[in-house]
Protein backbone atom coordinates (compact mmCIF):
# COMPACT_ATOMS: atom_id res chain seq x y z
CA GLU A 1 -5.31 12.81 13.63
CA ILE A 2 -4.89 9.48 15.09
CA GLY A 3 -3.08 6.50 13.77
CA GLY A 4 0.32 6.95 15.43
CA THR A 5 2.92 5.20 13.36
CA TRP A 6 0.27 3.87 11.12
CA ASP A 7 -0.61 7.76 9.98
CA LEU A 8 3.23 8.88 9.84
CA PHE A 9 4.52 6.11 7.40
CA ARG A 10 3.30 6.19 4.25
CA TYR A 11 6.26 4.09 2.19
CA PRO A 12 5.59 1.75 -0.46
CA GLY A 13 3.77 -1.52 0.92
CA ILE A 14 3.74 -0.10 4.57
CA ARG A 15 2.40 -2.99 6.94
CA SER A 16 2.75 -4.36 10.06
CA ASP A 17 5.47 -7.31 10.95
CA SER A 18 3.20 -8.90 13.67
CA ASP A 19 -0.20 -10.77 12.87
CA MET A 20 -3.33 -8.67 13.34
CA PHE A 21 -4.57 -10.87 15.50
CA THR A 22 -2.01 -10.51 18.40
CA LEU A 23 -1.12 -7.27 17.43
CA GLY A 24 -4.59 -5.72 17.65
CA TYR A 25 -6.90 -4.65 20.92
CA ASN A 26 -7.94 -7.87 23.09
CA PHE A 27 -11.30 -6.08 23.04
CA ARG A 28 -12.29 -4.91 19.65
CA PRO A 29 -11.79 -8.05 16.99
CA TRP A 30 -9.56 -7.34 13.91
CA THR A 31 -12.26 -8.48 10.77
CA ASP A 32 -9.88 -8.87 7.67
CA THR A 33 -8.54 -11.88 7.14
CA LYS A 34 -5.21 -10.72 6.43
CA MET A 35 -2.43 -12.31 8.63
CA LEU A 36 0.21 -8.92 8.00
CA ALA A 37 -2.38 -6.07 7.53
CA ASP A 38 -1.44 -3.33 4.99
CA GLY A 39 -0.74 0.31 7.15
CA PRO A 40 -4.27 1.89 5.82
CA SER A 41 -5.83 -0.76 7.13
CA ILE A 42 -4.55 -0.87 10.40
CA ARG A 43 -4.88 3.43 10.58
CA ASN A 44 -8.71 2.72 9.52
CA TYR A 45 -8.91 -0.04 12.47
CA ILE A 46 -7.66 2.38 14.98
CA GLU A 47 -9.60 5.28 14.12
CA GLU A 48 -13.05 3.41 14.01
CA THR A 49 -11.96 1.95 17.79
CA ALA A 50 -11.26 5.09 18.80
CA GLU A 51 -14.47 6.76 17.04
CA HIS A 52 -16.40 4.01 19.13
CA HIS A 53 -15.07 4.65 22.60
CA GLN A 54 -15.64 8.28 21.76
CA VAL A 55 -11.61 8.80 22.34
CA HIS A 56 -11.25 11.53 20.04
CA LYS A 57 -13.04 13.59 22.48
CA LYS A 58 -10.42 13.35 25.49
CA ILE A 59 -7.36 14.05 23.12
CA HIS A 60 -5.97 17.37 22.62
CA PHE A 61 -4.84 17.12 19.18
CA GLY A 62 -1.77 19.62 17.38
CA LEU A 63 -0.16 19.56 21.09
CA LYS A 64 3.54 18.41 21.86
CA VAL A 65 4.62 17.47 25.13
CA THR A 66 7.85 18.97 26.03
CA ALA A 67 7.98 18.48 29.63
CA GLU A 68 6.95 16.67 32.21
CA ASP A 69 8.13 17.64 36.21
CA TRP A 70 7.22 16.31 39.24
CA SER A 71 6.87 18.73 43.14
CA SER A 72 7.06 16.68 45.78
CA GLU A 73 5.94 19.31 47.70
CA PHE A 74 2.74 19.59 46.17
CA ASN A 75 2.47 15.90 44.79
CA ARG A 76 1.58 16.87 41.53
CA TRP A 77 2.96 16.46 37.85
CA THR A 78 3.26 19.44 36.00
CA VAL A 79 3.02 18.78 31.82
CA THR A 80 4.14 21.39 29.81
CA ALA A 81 2.70 21.43 26.36
CA LEU A 82 3.47 23.44 22.89
CA ASN A 83 0.79 24.12 20.81
CA GLU A 84 2.19 23.68 17.12
CA GLU A 85 -0.27 25.64 15.77
CA THR A 86 -0.14 28.98 17.46
CA GLY A 87 3.63 28.59 19.21
CA GLU A 88 2.16 29.18 22.69
CA GLU A 89 2.35 27.12 25.55
CA GLU A 90 -0.52 25.01 27.38
CA VAL A 91 0.28 23.83 31.31
CA PHE A 92 -1.62 20.65 32.36
CA THR A 93 -1.37 19.28 35.58
CA ALA A 94 -2.25 15.96 37.12
CA GLY A 95 -1.35 13.64 40.03
CA PHE A 96 -0.33 10.76 37.65
CA VAL A 97 1.06 10.80 34.15
CA LEU A 98 0.68 7.66 31.62
CA ASN A 99 3.18 7.73 28.73
CA CYS A 100 2.15 6.25 25.74
CA THR A 101 5.04 8.04 23.52
CA GLY A 102 6.63 4.74 22.29
CA TYR A 103 10.32 4.46 22.06
CA TYR A 104 11.08 6.73 18.65
CA ASN A 105 11.74 9.97 17.03
CA TYR A 106 8.85 10.89 14.94
CA ASP A 107 10.22 14.00 13.58
CA ALA A 108 13.51 11.80 12.25
CA GLY A 109 14.74 8.82 11.32
CA TYR A 110 17.82 7.10 12.11
CA THR A 111 20.54 7.28 9.21
CA PRO A 112 24.21 6.38 9.55
CA LYS A 113 27.25 8.51 8.57
CA ILE A 114 27.25 7.22 4.65
CA PRO A 115 30.56 8.06 2.92
CA GLY A 116 30.12 10.30 -0.04
CA ILE A 117 25.76 10.24 0.11
CA ASN A 118 25.70 13.88 -0.59
CA ARG A 119 27.53 13.59 -3.70
CA PHE A 120 24.47 11.16 -5.32
CA GLY A 121 22.86 12.75 -7.82
CA GLY A 122 19.10 10.86 -7.46
CA ASP A 123 17.53 11.07 -4.55
CA VAL A 124 17.78 9.99 -1.25
CA ILE A 125 14.62 9.34 0.77
CA HIS A 126 14.11 7.60 4.63
CA PRO A 127 10.98 5.77 4.65
CA GLN A 128 9.85 7.66 7.84
CA HIS A 129 9.41 10.72 5.54
CA TRP A 130 8.47 9.18 1.93
CA PRO A 131 6.97 11.80 -0.42
CA ASP A 132 3.51 11.92 -1.15
CA ASN A 133 3.02 10.39 -4.51
CA TYR A 134 6.22 10.10 -4.99
CA ASP A 135 7.21 8.36 -8.62
CA TYR A 136 9.83 5.43 -8.96
CA THR A 137 8.66 3.93 -12.29
CA GLY A 138 11.36 2.89 -14.12
CA LYS A 139 13.91 3.68 -11.71
CA ARG A 140 16.91 1.41 -10.14
CA VAL A 141 16.37 1.75 -6.43
CA VAL A 142 19.06 0.83 -3.81
CA VAL A 143 17.01 -0.03 -0.43
CA ILE A 144 19.78 -0.02 1.99
CA GLY A 145 19.11 -1.83 5.22
CA SER A 146 17.57 -5.64 6.29
CA GLY A 147 15.00 -4.97 8.37
CA ALA A 148 11.20 -5.06 8.33
CA THR A 149 11.06 -1.99 6.35
CA ALA A 150 13.67 -3.10 3.86
CA VAL A 151 12.02 -6.12 3.11
CA THR A 152 8.52 -4.84 2.88
CA LEU A 153 10.08 -2.07 0.65
CA VAL A 154 11.95 -4.18 -1.66
CA PRO A 155 8.72 -6.64 -3.11
CA ALA A 156 6.50 -3.64 -3.13
CA MET A 157 8.59 -1.53 -5.17
CA THR A 158 9.12 -3.98 -8.06
CA ASP A 159 6.03 -3.32 -9.49
CA ARG A 160 7.22 0.01 -11.15
CA ALA A 161 10.87 -0.10 -10.34
CA ALA A 162 12.97 -1.01 -13.13
CA HIS A 163 15.58 -3.16 -10.77
CA VAL A 164 15.14 -3.08 -7.01
CA THR A 165 18.55 -3.91 -4.81
CA MET A 166 18.35 -4.43 -1.11
CA LEU A 167 22.12 -3.81 0.26
CA GLN A 168 22.77 -5.03 3.56
CA ARG A 169 25.37 -5.76 6.05
CA SER A 170 24.63 -9.02 7.42
CA PRO A 171 21.86 -11.04 6.75
CA THR A 172 18.22 -11.05 8.76
CA TYR A 173 15.95 -14.26 9.25
CA VAL A 174 13.28 -13.94 7.02
CA ALA A 175 10.32 -16.01 7.51
CA SER A 176 7.14 -16.83 4.90
CA VAL A 177 3.83 -16.76 6.42
CA PRO A 178 0.50 -16.86 5.65
CA GLU A 179 -1.31 -14.15 3.82
CA GLN A 180 -4.93 -14.86 5.33
CA ASP A 181 -5.98 -16.62 7.90
CA LEU A 182 -7.99 -19.41 6.37
CA ILE A 183 -9.00 -20.90 9.32
CA SER A 184 -10.12 -17.89 11.19
CA LYS A 185 -12.52 -16.75 7.79
CA ASN A 186 -14.10 -20.24 7.68
CA LEU A 187 -14.86 -20.26 11.64
CA ARG A 188 -16.82 -16.76 11.03
CA ARG A 189 -19.66 -18.47 9.01
CA VAL A 190 -20.72 -20.33 11.96
CA LEU A 191 -19.15 -18.70 15.01
CA PRO A 192 -19.80 -15.14 16.48
CA GLU A 193 -16.77 -12.90 15.10
CA MET A 194 -15.51 -11.69 18.82
CA LEU A 195 -15.37 -15.97 19.62
CA VAL A 196 -13.13 -16.20 16.76
CA TYR A 197 -10.79 -13.53 16.91
CA ARG A 198 -10.29 -14.52 20.79
CA MET A 199 -9.62 -18.04 19.12
CA ALA A 200 -7.16 -17.00 16.89
CA ARG A 201 -5.66 -14.07 19.43
CA THR A 202 -4.73 -17.36 21.80
CA ARG A 203 -3.66 -19.91 19.18
CA ASN A 204 -0.89 -16.97 17.73
CA ILE A 205 0.13 -16.42 21.38
CA LEU A 206 0.85 -20.09 22.13
CA LEU A 207 2.34 -20.47 18.20
CA GLN A 208 4.84 -17.30 19.25
CA ARG A 209 5.78 -18.38 22.71
CA THR A 210 6.65 -21.89 20.92
CA VAL A 211 8.75 -20.51 18.13
CA PHE A 212 10.51 -18.52 20.82
CA ASN A 213 11.04 -20.75 23.69
CA LEU A 214 12.29 -24.09 20.84
CA SER A 215 14.53 -20.92 19.70
CA ILE A 216 16.26 -20.41 22.77
CA ARG A 217 16.24 -24.30 23.27
CA LYS A 218 16.92 -25.59 20.46
CA PRO A 219 18.76 -22.92 18.05
CA LYS A 220 20.22 -25.19 15.69
CA ALA A 221 17.00 -27.12 14.67
CA ILE A 222 15.15 -23.92 14.57
CA ARG A 223 18.18 -22.35 12.78
CA ARG A 224 18.02 -25.75 10.36
CA LEU A 225 14.50 -25.31 9.86
CA LEU A 226 14.48 -21.53 8.92
CA LEU A 227 16.92 -21.91 6.35
CA ALA A 228 15.72 -24.95 4.72
CA ALA A 229 12.32 -23.04 3.92
CA ALA A 230 14.09 -20.30 2.69
CA ARG A 231 16.22 -22.29 0.47
CA LYS A 232 12.90 -23.75 -0.92
CA GLN A 233 11.36 -20.71 -1.62
CA LEU A 234 14.37 -18.65 -2.88
CA GLY A 235 15.28 -21.43 -5.51
CA PRO A 236 19.00 -22.83 -7.06
CA ASP A 237 19.97 -19.41 -8.33
CA ILE A 238 19.82 -17.61 -5.26
CA ASP A 239 23.04 -17.60 -2.58
CA MET A 240 21.78 -18.66 0.71
CA LYS A 241 24.65 -16.47 2.04
CA HIS A 242 22.75 -13.29 1.82
CA PHE A 243 19.81 -15.44 4.46
CA GLN A 244 22.60 -17.36 6.76
CA PRO A 245 22.99 -14.78 10.18
CA HIS A 246 25.83 -14.63 12.33
CA TYR A 247 23.30 -15.07 15.39
CA ASN A 248 20.67 -17.89 16.07
CA PRO A 249 17.08 -17.21 15.82
CA TRP A 250 15.47 -14.82 18.21
CA GLU A 251 18.52 -12.91 19.20
CA GLU A 252 17.20 -10.60 17.16
CA ARG A 253 14.28 -9.87 16.03
CA MET A 254 12.98 -11.96 12.91
CA CYS A 255 11.42 -10.85 9.40
CA ALA A 256 8.02 -12.42 8.49
CA VAL A 257 7.01 -11.93 4.89
CA PRO A 258 3.64 -12.43 3.32
CA LYS A 259 3.18 -15.80 1.32
CA GLY A 260 6.94 -15.50 0.87
CA ASP A 261 6.45 -12.12 -1.08
CA LEU A 262 10.19 -10.73 -0.69
CA PHE A 263 11.62 -14.76 -2.08
CA LYS A 264 9.20 -14.70 -5.17
CA VAL A 265 10.44 -10.94 -6.42
CA LEU A 266 14.46 -12.41 -6.10
CA ARG A 267 13.18 -15.54 -7.52
CA GLU A 268 11.97 -13.86 -10.44
CA GLY A 269 15.08 -11.71 -11.27
CA LYS A 270 12.80 -8.09 -10.18
CA ALA A 271 14.78 -7.52 -7.22
CA SER A 272 18.50 -8.58 -6.04
CA VAL A 273 20.24 -8.61 -2.60
CA VAL A 274 23.35 -7.55 -1.80
CA THR A 275 25.78 -8.61 1.48
CA ASP A 276 28.61 -6.35 1.90
CA HIS A 277 29.96 -2.93 2.69
CA ILE A 278 29.68 0.68 1.46
CA LYS A 279 33.04 2.21 0.59
CA ASN A 280 31.62 5.15 -0.76
CA VAL A 281 28.55 6.39 -2.96
CA THR A 282 29.31 8.69 -6.22
CA LYS A 283 26.59 9.79 -8.19
CA THR A 284 25.26 7.39 -10.11
CA GLY A 285 25.51 4.41 -7.43
CA ILE A 286 27.21 3.02 -4.88
CA LYS A 287 30.76 1.39 -4.59
CA LEU A 288 31.37 -1.54 -2.47
CA GLU A 289 34.36 -2.68 -0.08
CA SER A 290 34.96 -6.07 -1.92
CA GLY A 291 35.44 -3.51 -5.30
CA ASP A 292 31.77 -3.64 -6.58
CA TRP A 293 29.49 -1.38 -7.74
CA ILE A 294 25.63 -0.71 -7.76
CA PRO A 295 23.81 1.45 -9.93
CA ALA A 296 21.19 3.94 -8.72
CA ASP A 297 18.57 6.45 -9.57
CA ILE A 298 17.33 6.42 -5.90
CA ILE A 299 18.85 5.41 -2.75
CA VAL A 300 16.55 4.39 0.03
CA THR A 301 18.04 4.55 3.60
CA ALA A 302 16.02 1.51 5.35
CA THR A 303 18.00 1.63 8.41
CA GLY A 304 15.66 2.05 11.31
CA LEU A 305 14.61 4.52 14.03
CA ASP A 306 15.75 6.94 15.88
CA LEU A 307 14.79 5.70 19.05
CA GLN A 308 13.67 8.51 21.95
CA MET A 309 11.59 8.04 24.81
CA LEU A 310 8.35 10.57 26.07
CA GLY A 311 8.65 11.97 22.78
CA GLY A 312 11.70 13.92 23.34
CA ALA A 313 9.60 15.31 26.87
CA GLU A 314 12.37 16.71 29.60
CA LEU A 315 11.98 14.67 32.71
CA ARG A 316 11.99 16.23 36.01
CA VAL A 317 11.47 15.42 39.56
CA ASP A 318 11.95 18.23 42.28
CA GLY A 319 13.56 20.54 39.23
CA THR A 320 16.48 17.99 38.73
CA HIS A 321 16.90 16.46 35.22
CA VAL A 322 16.12 12.46 35.30
CA ASN A 323 18.41 10.59 32.74
CA LEU A 324 16.45 7.51 31.52
CA SER A 325 19.47 5.57 30.10
CA ASN A 326 20.58 5.83 34.12
CA THR A 327 17.20 4.69 35.19
CA MET A 328 16.15 0.92 36.29
CA MET A 329 12.44 -0.03 34.80
CA TYR A 330 10.05 -2.10 36.60
CA LYS A 331 7.87 -4.53 34.68
CA GLY A 332 7.57 -2.42 31.70
CA LEU A 333 6.07 0.20 33.46
CA MET A 334 7.25 2.65 35.98
CA LEU A 335 10.63 4.12 36.72
CA GLU A 336 13.18 4.18 39.79
CA LYS A 337 12.85 7.35 41.95
CA VAL A 338 10.17 8.79 39.63
CA PRO A 339 6.97 8.50 41.23
CA ASN A 340 3.27 8.50 39.97
CA MET A 341 3.90 7.92 36.66
CA ALA A 342 4.45 4.92 33.98
CA LEU A 343 5.25 4.55 30.80
CA VAL A 344 3.62 1.87 28.46
CA PHE A 345 6.50 -0.19 26.96
CA GLY A 346 5.54 -3.64 24.39
CA TYR A 347 7.45 -6.70 23.74
CA THR A 348 10.34 -7.00 21.79
CA ASN A 349 9.98 -10.75 20.98
CA ALA A 350 6.49 -10.53 19.99
CA SER A 351 3.17 -8.48 18.89
CA TRP A 352 4.09 -5.27 21.01
CA THR A 353 0.64 -4.51 22.04
CA LEU A 354 0.25 -7.98 23.92
CA LYS A 355 2.48 -6.17 26.50
CA ALA A 356 0.77 -2.92 26.31
CA ASP A 357 -2.38 -4.93 27.33
CA ILE A 358 -0.74 -6.52 30.10
CA ILE A 359 0.51 -2.94 31.46
CA VAL A 360 -2.66 -1.75 31.49
CA GLU A 361 -5.26 -3.96 32.61
CA ARG A 362 -2.81 -5.67 35.17
CA GLN A 363 -1.07 -3.37 36.38
CA ALA A 364 -1.74 0.42 35.70
CA CYS A 365 -5.59 -0.04 36.43
CA LYS A 366 -4.37 -1.57 40.01
CA LEU A 367 -2.45 2.00 40.65
CA GLY A 368 -5.58 3.56 40.01
CA VAL A 369 -4.84 5.19 36.78
């Protein structure tokens, strides 16, 4: 199926953490009014775009690339793929290879070693492999993590869970963003759809750049603004220590929450946040280094992705393995000493796909890909 990340991830509340006007394709407008869209809506957007441009006809589904080999003698790439249905190998040759495989392992998420996790009497779930129709009604849930996945899961699970606790080792900057783009919604009544989309896209790109640049140049001022906004939405009963990182804004990626949904469930007591280290897991909960204990029926390990380049495929040049970790990358596109190959790598401090657009349109096209 087409969809990639948005087809793989099915956990409660799955959504983008970038606004859709900059995350979307520059050639096809995002027509919804949601700023941060849910996973199914994004998957439909991708599928509709692919169908419109008949991309399906050019895709070999059910194949997993296992190796990419370059031959200087023949000036050709040989790409080996495993047919996951038949178990047979299929081979393709090309003069140029463009990899659009992302940066993480689709088969397994990252889970750190957690002492005693095997003794836990309830379910331990990684969001990357959320069970279909999983029922957590009336359960006490502990979400381990403080990144985009954690701040998405916590408010989404409070509708049915007895209580949700977000357990983090250290805080992250969390900023509330509007749920809908009302300006674009109103402009659509009088202007063409594509024009409104481009206006919103340009505006949001400039806003992202401005916030990022100010964070680098005036970190203390931006930190004060972010913490003041969080304080206002949290109310007086939530300790601000859980939202005060020990680093400056945008030294790590910031988390966005639509209409402050995370702050809302914390205010209402449906969820809580704990900043501490895990000592060990017992059959019925988690014991912390501070001596506190969190009861749990379900533990969700929102602890990140397992980084993996080229979808795990082996990369070889003239029979010699290429160690990507020791290889320089040029403009997020090409690798040193690896001829006629490019890979798409996006932004980390803005919408990922903005950089992907630049790579494909301004660089790959110049190479005649």
